[in-house]
Amino acid sequence: MGIVLWLAGGIAAWAVARIVPALRGAQRLSELAIALVTAAAAGLGATALDFGGWNEPDWRAGVFAFACALAIVAWVRVIRR
């Protein structure tokens, strides 16, 4: 269940990034892939930091995955321009 929470955080970050028009391009699928990979990596980091885990949902891990995914998507948008 924790992995589902991480991926939901990544999808939510991607959806928020799609709403923000600044530097938005036509790279929808690549941004989604980046957000999901980053959310999974952040979730593993959250597990290492001992909040949440891969099989137990914890809101802190979800917020951490969301924030990391949103930051990476924003960074990628800036780098592309």
Protein backbone atom coordinates (compact mmCIF):
# COMPACT_ATOMS: atom_id res chain seq x y z
CA MET A 1 0.00 0.00 0.00
CA GLY A 2 2.89 2.39 0.61
CA ILE A 3 4.07 2.10 -2.99
CA VAL A 4 0.59 3.03 -4.18
CA LEU A 5 0.71 6.12 -1.98
CA TRP A 6 4.09 7.11 -3.43
CA LEU A 7 2.88 6.68 -7.00
CA ALA A 8 -0.32 8.59 -6.19
CA GLY A 9 1.89 11.41 -4.92
CA GLY A 10 3.81 11.33 -8.20
CA ILE A 11 0.62 11.41 -10.26
CA ALA A 12 -0.73 14.28 -8.13
CA ALA A 13 2.52 16.21 -8.63
CA TRP A 14 2.29 15.64 -12.38
CA ALA A 15 -1.34 16.84 -12.39
CA VAL A 16 -0.44 19.99 -10.45
CA ALA A 17 2.47 20.63 -12.81
CA ARG A 18 0.15 20.28 -15.81
CA ILE A 19 -2.13 22.97 -14.35
CA VAL A 20 0.71 25.48 -13.99
CA PRO A 21 1.19 27.03 -17.44
CA ALA A 22 4.72 28.37 -16.88
CA LEU A 23 7.18 26.58 -19.17
CA ARG A 24 4.63 23.88 -19.97
CA GLY A 25 5.46 21.99 -23.13
CA ALA A 26 3.98 19.06 -24.95
CA GLN A 27 6.07 16.51 -23.02
CA ARG A 28 3.23 14.97 -21.03
CA LEU A 29 4.37 11.35 -20.95
CA SER A 30 8.00 12.14 -20.22
CA GLU A 31 6.97 14.38 -17.32
CA LEU A 32 4.70 11.63 -16.00
CA ALA A 33 7.52 9.08 -16.20
CA ILE A 34 9.92 11.45 -14.45
CA ALA A 35 7.37 12.17 -11.72
CA LEU A 36 6.66 8.47 -11.11
CA VAL A 37 10.33 7.47 -10.99
CA THR A 38 11.13 10.35 -8.66
CA ALA A 39 8.17 9.55 -6.41
CA ALA A 40 9.30 5.93 -6.16
CA ALA A 41 12.85 6.98 -5.33
CA ALA A 42 11.58 9.46 -2.74
CA GLY A 43 9.40 6.76 -1.23
CA LEU A 44 12.43 4.51 -0.88
CA GLY A 45 14.23 7.43 0.74
CA ALA A 46 11.31 7.91 3.09
CA THR A 47 11.52 4.24 4.00
CA ALA A 48 15.22 4.66 4.75
CA LEU A 49 14.37 7.66 6.94
CA ASP A 50 11.87 5.41 8.75
CA PHE A 51 8.63 7.15 7.98
CA GLY A 52 6.39 4.85 6.08
CA GLY A 53 7.44 1.85 4.13
CA TRP A 54 6.71 -0.03 0.96
CA ASN A 55 3.84 -1.97 2.55
CA GLU A 56 2.43 0.53 5.04
CA PRO A 57 0.99 3.88 3.95
CA ASP A 58 2.18 6.91 5.87
CA TRP A 59 1.10 10.42 5.00
CA ARG A 60 4.62 11.77 5.53
CA ALA A 61 6.02 9.49 2.86
CA GLY A 62 3.24 10.55 0.48
CA VAL A 63 3.94 14.24 1.03
CA PHE A 64 7.68 13.64 0.64
CA ALA A 65 7.14 11.77 -2.65
CA PHE A 66 4.76 14.51 -3.88
CA ALA A 67 7.19 17.31 -3.03
CA CYS A 68 10.19 15.58 -4.60
CA ALA A 69 8.28 14.72 -7.78
CA LEU A 70 6.96 18.26 -8.11
CA ALA A 71 10.42 19.72 -7.60
CA ILE A 72 11.97 17.45 -10.23
CA VAL A 73 9.27 18.17 -12.80
CA ALA A 74 9.77 21.90 -12.23
CA TRP A 75 13.54 21.51 -12.50
CA VAL A 76 13.22 19.57 -15.77
CA ARG A 77 10.98 22.28 -17.20
CA VAL A 78 13.54 24.95 -16.35
CA ILE A 79 16.41 22.92 -17.78
CA ARG A 80 14.55 22.34 -21.08
CA ARG A 81 14.16 26.07 -21.69
